[in-house]
Amino acid sequence: MKRPRKQMSTGDRTILGHISKRGNSYLRMLFIQAARVILVRPANWPKHGFGAWLVRAAQRLHPKVLAAALANKLARIAWTVLGARA
């Protein structure tokens, strides 16, 4: 898994970048599927740490774009957790 690009923040808006098509395509597919599973059940969004972010993003993004954005966020969380172990 490639390291995600650094985030860029301007004011109150955080720009995380995109999921690149480089790296492990199977792992990328798993992150997209995990994001779609989370998006299927909006009632469970508050259980996850990014419930408020999901509600705001769902109002302005296409569902497939939202799934990619959530997958990007999940990949960044996974990268941070794996990096913290070392």
N, C-alpha and C. Protein backbone atom coordinates (compact mmCIF):
# COMPACT_ATOMS: atom_id res chain seq x y z
N MET A 1 0.85 -1.17 0.00
CA MET A 1 0.00 0.00 0.00
C MET A 1 0.90 1.24 0.00
N LYS A 2 0.63 2.14 -0.93
CA LYS A 2 1.41 3.36 -1.01
C LYS A 2 0.99 4.31 0.09
N ARG A 3 1.92 5.11 0.55
CA ARG A 3 1.61 6.11 1.56
C ARG A 3 0.72 7.18 0.96
N PRO A 4 -0.39 7.55 1.64
CA PRO A 4 -1.25 8.60 1.10
C PRO A 4 -0.54 9.96 1.09
N ARG A 5 -0.98 10.81 0.17
CA ARG A 5 -0.40 12.14 0.13
C ARG A 5 -0.77 12.91 1.38
N LYS A 6 0.04 13.89 1.71
CA LYS A 6 -0.26 14.70 2.89
C LYS A 6 -1.51 15.52 2.64
N GLN A 7 -2.22 15.79 3.71
CA GLN A 7 -3.43 16.58 3.56
C GLN A 7 -3.08 18.06 3.45
N MET A 8 -4.01 18.81 2.87
CA MET A 8 -3.83 20.25 2.71
C MET A 8 -5.05 20.91 3.34
N SER A 9 -4.84 21.84 4.24
CA SER A 9 -5.95 22.50 4.93
C SER A 9 -5.97 23.97 4.59
N THR A 10 -7.17 24.47 4.31
CA THR A 10 -7.37 25.89 4.07
C THR A 10 -8.58 26.32 4.87
N GLY A 11 -8.37 27.13 5.88
CA GLY A 11 -9.49 27.57 6.70
C GLY A 11 -10.10 26.39 7.43
N ASP A 12 -11.40 26.20 7.25
CA ASP A 12 -12.08 25.09 7.91
C ASP A 12 -12.24 23.89 6.99
N ARG A 13 -11.68 23.94 5.78
CA ARG A 13 -11.82 22.86 4.81
C ARG A 13 -10.52 22.08 4.70
N THR A 14 -10.62 20.76 4.84
CA THR A 14 -9.46 19.90 4.73
C THR A 14 -9.56 19.12 3.43
N ILE A 15 -8.52 19.21 2.62
CA ILE A 15 -8.47 18.53 1.34
C ILE A 15 -7.51 17.36 1.48
N LEU A 16 -8.03 16.14 1.33
CA LEU A 16 -7.21 14.95 1.55
C LEU A 16 -6.57 14.44 0.27
N GLY A 17 -7.01 14.87 -0.88
CA GLY A 17 -6.48 14.33 -2.12
C GLY A 17 -7.34 13.16 -2.59
N HIS A 18 -6.82 12.34 -3.47
CA HIS A 18 -7.61 11.27 -4.05
C HIS A 18 -6.92 9.92 -3.80
N ILE A 19 -7.68 8.86 -4.02
CA ILE A 19 -7.09 7.52 -3.98
C ILE A 19 -6.45 7.30 -5.34
N SER A 20 -5.16 7.08 -5.36
CA SER A 20 -4.49 6.88 -6.64
C SER A 20 -4.70 5.44 -7.11
N LYS A 21 -4.48 5.20 -8.37
CA LYS A 21 -4.63 3.86 -8.92
C LYS A 21 -3.31 3.10 -8.88
N ARG A 22 -2.34 3.64 -8.18
CA ARG A 22 -1.07 2.96 -7.99
C ARG A 22 -1.18 2.07 -6.76
N GLY A 23 -0.31 1.12 -6.64
CA GLY A 23 -0.32 0.26 -5.47
C GLY A 23 -1.18 -0.98 -5.69
N ASN A 24 -1.61 -1.56 -4.61
CA ASN A 24 -2.32 -2.83 -4.62
C ASN A 24 -3.79 -2.61 -4.99
N SER A 25 -4.20 -3.09 -6.15
CA SER A 25 -5.58 -2.88 -6.60
C SER A 25 -6.57 -3.68 -5.75
N TYR A 26 -6.16 -4.84 -5.24
CA TYR A 26 -7.05 -5.64 -4.39
C TYR A 26 -7.33 -4.91 -3.08
N LEU A 27 -6.31 -4.34 -2.49
CA LEU A 27 -6.48 -3.60 -1.24
C LEU A 27 -7.35 -2.37 -1.46
N ARG A 28 -7.14 -1.69 -2.59
CA ARG A 28 -7.96 -0.53 -2.92
C ARG A 28 -9.43 -0.94 -3.07
N MET A 29 -9.68 -2.08 -3.72
CA MET A 29 -11.04 -2.58 -3.88
C MET A 29 -11.67 -2.89 -2.53
N LEU A 30 -10.89 -3.46 -1.60
CA LEU A 30 -11.42 -3.76 -0.28
C LEU A 30 -11.81 -2.49 0.48
N PHE A 31 -11.02 -1.44 0.34
CA PHE A 31 -11.37 -0.17 0.99
C PHE A 31 -12.65 0.41 0.40
N ILE A 32 -12.81 0.34 -0.91
CA ILE A 32 -14.03 0.83 -1.56
C ILE A 32 -15.23 0.02 -1.09
N GLN A 33 -15.10 -1.32 -1.02
CA GLN A 33 -16.20 -2.15 -0.56
C GLN A 33 -16.55 -1.86 0.89
N ALA A 34 -15.55 -1.66 1.73
CA ALA A 34 -15.80 -1.33 3.13
C ALA A 34 -16.55 0.00 3.23
N ALA A 35 -16.17 0.96 2.40
CA ALA A 35 -16.86 2.26 2.41
C ALA A 35 -18.31 2.10 1.97
N ARG A 36 -18.55 1.28 0.95
CA ARG A 36 -19.93 1.06 0.49
C ARG A 36 -20.77 0.39 1.56
N VAL A 37 -20.19 -0.54 2.30
CA VAL A 37 -20.92 -1.21 3.38
C VAL A 37 -21.32 -0.20 4.46
N ILE A 38 -20.41 0.70 4.79
CA ILE A 38 -20.73 1.73 5.79
C ILE A 38 -21.82 2.66 5.26
N LEU A 39 -21.76 3.02 3.98
CA LEU A 39 -22.73 3.96 3.42
C LEU A 39 -24.13 3.37 3.26
N VAL A 40 -24.24 2.05 3.22
CA VAL A 40 -25.55 1.42 3.03
C VAL A 40 -26.46 1.67 4.24
N ARG A 41 -25.88 1.80 5.41
CA ARG A 41 -26.67 1.94 6.64
C ARG A 41 -26.42 3.30 7.32
N PRO A 42 -27.12 4.33 6.88
CA PRO A 42 -26.91 5.67 7.47
C PRO A 42 -27.24 5.73 8.96
N ALA A 43 -28.12 4.85 9.44
CA ALA A 43 -28.46 4.86 10.87
C ALA A 43 -27.26 4.51 11.74
N ASN A 44 -26.30 3.77 11.19
CA ASN A 44 -25.13 3.36 11.96
C ASN A 44 -23.95 4.33 11.83
N TRP A 45 -24.09 5.39 11.05
CA TRP A 45 -22.98 6.33 10.85
C TRP A 45 -22.47 6.93 12.16
N PRO A 46 -23.35 7.30 13.11
CA PRO A 46 -22.82 7.88 14.36
C PRO A 46 -21.93 6.93 15.15
N LYS A 47 -22.08 5.61 14.96
CA LYS A 47 -21.24 4.64 15.67
C LYS A 47 -19.78 4.75 15.25
N HIS A 48 -19.57 5.15 14.00
CA HIS A 48 -18.22 5.30 13.49
C HIS A 48 -17.72 6.70 13.84
N GLY A 49 -16.44 6.88 13.88
CA GLY A 49 -15.86 8.14 14.32
C GLY A 49 -16.11 9.32 13.38
N PHE A 50 -16.60 9.07 12.16
CA PHE A 50 -16.78 10.16 11.21
C PHE A 50 -18.23 10.30 10.78
N GLY A 51 -19.17 10.14 11.71
CA GLY A 51 -20.59 10.23 11.40
C GLY A 51 -21.01 11.62 10.94
N ALA A 52 -20.57 12.65 11.63
CA ALA A 52 -20.94 14.03 11.27
C ALA A 52 -20.34 14.39 9.90
N TRP A 53 -19.12 13.95 9.65
CA TRP A 53 -18.49 14.22 8.36
C TRP A 53 -19.27 13.54 7.24
N LEU A 54 -19.71 12.30 7.48
CA LEU A 54 -20.47 11.57 6.47
C LEU A 54 -21.79 12.24 6.15
N VAL A 55 -22.48 12.74 7.17
CA VAL A 55 -23.77 13.40 6.94
C VAL A 55 -23.59 14.63 6.07
N ARG A 56 -22.58 15.45 6.38
CA ARG A 56 -22.33 16.67 5.58
C ARG A 56 -21.89 16.32 4.17
N ALA A 57 -21.03 15.32 4.03
CA ALA A 57 -20.53 14.94 2.71
C ALA A 57 -21.63 14.31 1.86
N ALA A 58 -22.53 13.56 2.48
CA ALA A 58 -23.61 12.90 1.73
C ALA A 58 -24.56 13.92 1.11
N GLN A 59 -24.66 15.09 1.70
CA GLN A 59 -25.55 16.13 1.17
C GLN A 59 -25.00 16.76 -0.10
N ARG A 60 -23.67 16.72 -0.27
CA ARG A 60 -23.09 17.45 -1.40
C ARG A 60 -22.37 16.58 -2.42
N LEU A 61 -22.15 15.28 -2.13
CA LEU A 61 -21.39 14.43 -3.04
C LEU A 61 -22.25 13.33 -3.65
N HIS A 62 -21.89 12.94 -4.85
CA HIS A 62 -22.51 11.78 -5.50
C HIS A 62 -22.15 10.54 -4.69
N PRO A 63 -23.05 9.55 -4.61
CA PRO A 63 -22.77 8.36 -3.78
C PRO A 63 -21.46 7.65 -4.11
N LYS A 64 -21.09 7.58 -5.39
CA LYS A 64 -19.84 6.90 -5.74
C LYS A 64 -18.63 7.73 -5.33
N VAL A 65 -18.74 9.05 -5.44
CA VAL A 65 -17.66 9.94 -5.01
C VAL A 65 -17.53 9.88 -3.49
N LEU A 66 -18.67 9.81 -2.81
CA LEU A 66 -18.67 9.70 -1.36
C LEU A 66 -18.01 8.40 -0.92
N ALA A 67 -18.28 7.31 -1.62
CA ALA A 67 -17.65 6.02 -1.30
C ALA A 67 -16.14 6.11 -1.47
N ALA A 68 -15.68 6.76 -2.52
CA ALA A 68 -14.24 6.91 -2.74
C ALA A 68 -13.61 7.80 -1.67
N ALA A 69 -14.31 8.85 -1.27
CA ALA A 69 -13.79 9.75 -0.22
C ALA A 69 -13.69 9.01 1.11
N LEU A 70 -14.71 8.21 1.42
CA LEU A 70 -14.69 7.45 2.66
C LEU A 70 -13.61 6.37 2.61
N ALA A 71 -13.42 5.74 1.46
CA ALA A 71 -12.36 4.75 1.31
C ALA A 71 -10.99 5.39 1.51
N ASN A 72 -10.84 6.60 1.01
CA ASN A 72 -9.59 7.35 1.20
C ASN A 72 -9.36 7.59 2.68
N LYS A 73 -10.40 7.98 3.39
CA LYS A 73 -10.29 8.23 4.82
C LYS A 73 -9.94 6.93 5.57
N LEU A 74 -10.57 5.83 5.18
CA LEU A 74 -10.28 4.54 5.81
C LEU A 74 -8.83 4.11 5.55
N ALA A 75 -8.35 4.36 4.34
CA ALA A 75 -6.97 4.00 4.00
C ALA A 75 -5.99 4.83 4.83
N ARG A 76 -6.29 6.10 5.03
CA ARG A 76 -5.42 6.95 5.85
C ARG A 76 -5.40 6.49 7.30
N ILE A 77 -6.56 6.08 7.81
CA ILE A 77 -6.62 5.57 9.18
C ILE A 77 -5.80 4.29 9.30
N ALA A 78 -5.97 3.38 8.33
CA ALA A 78 -5.22 2.12 8.34
C ALA A 78 -3.72 2.38 8.26
N TRP A 79 -3.32 3.32 7.43
CA TRP A 79 -1.89 3.64 7.28
C TRP A 79 -1.33 4.18 8.60
N THR A 80 -2.08 5.01 9.27
CA THR A 80 -1.64 5.59 10.54
C THR A 80 -1.54 4.51 11.61
N VAL A 81 -2.52 3.62 11.67
CA VAL A 81 -2.49 2.55 12.66
C VAL A 81 -1.30 1.61 12.41
N LEU A 82 -1.09 1.25 11.16
CA LEU A 82 0.05 0.37 10.85
C LEU A 82 1.38 1.06 11.11
N GLY A 83 1.44 2.36 10.86
CA GLY A 83 2.68 3.10 11.11
C GLY A 83 2.97 3.30 12.59
N ALA A 84 1.91 3.32 13.41
CA ALA A 84 2.09 3.52 14.84
C ALA A 84 2.68 2.29 15.51
N ARG A 85 2.49 1.13 14.90
CA ARG A 85 3.03 -0.11 15.47
C ARG A 85 4.54 -0.18 15.39
N ALA A 86 5.11 0.39 14.34
CA ALA A 86 6.55 0.26 14.11
C ALA A 86 7.38 1.10 15.03
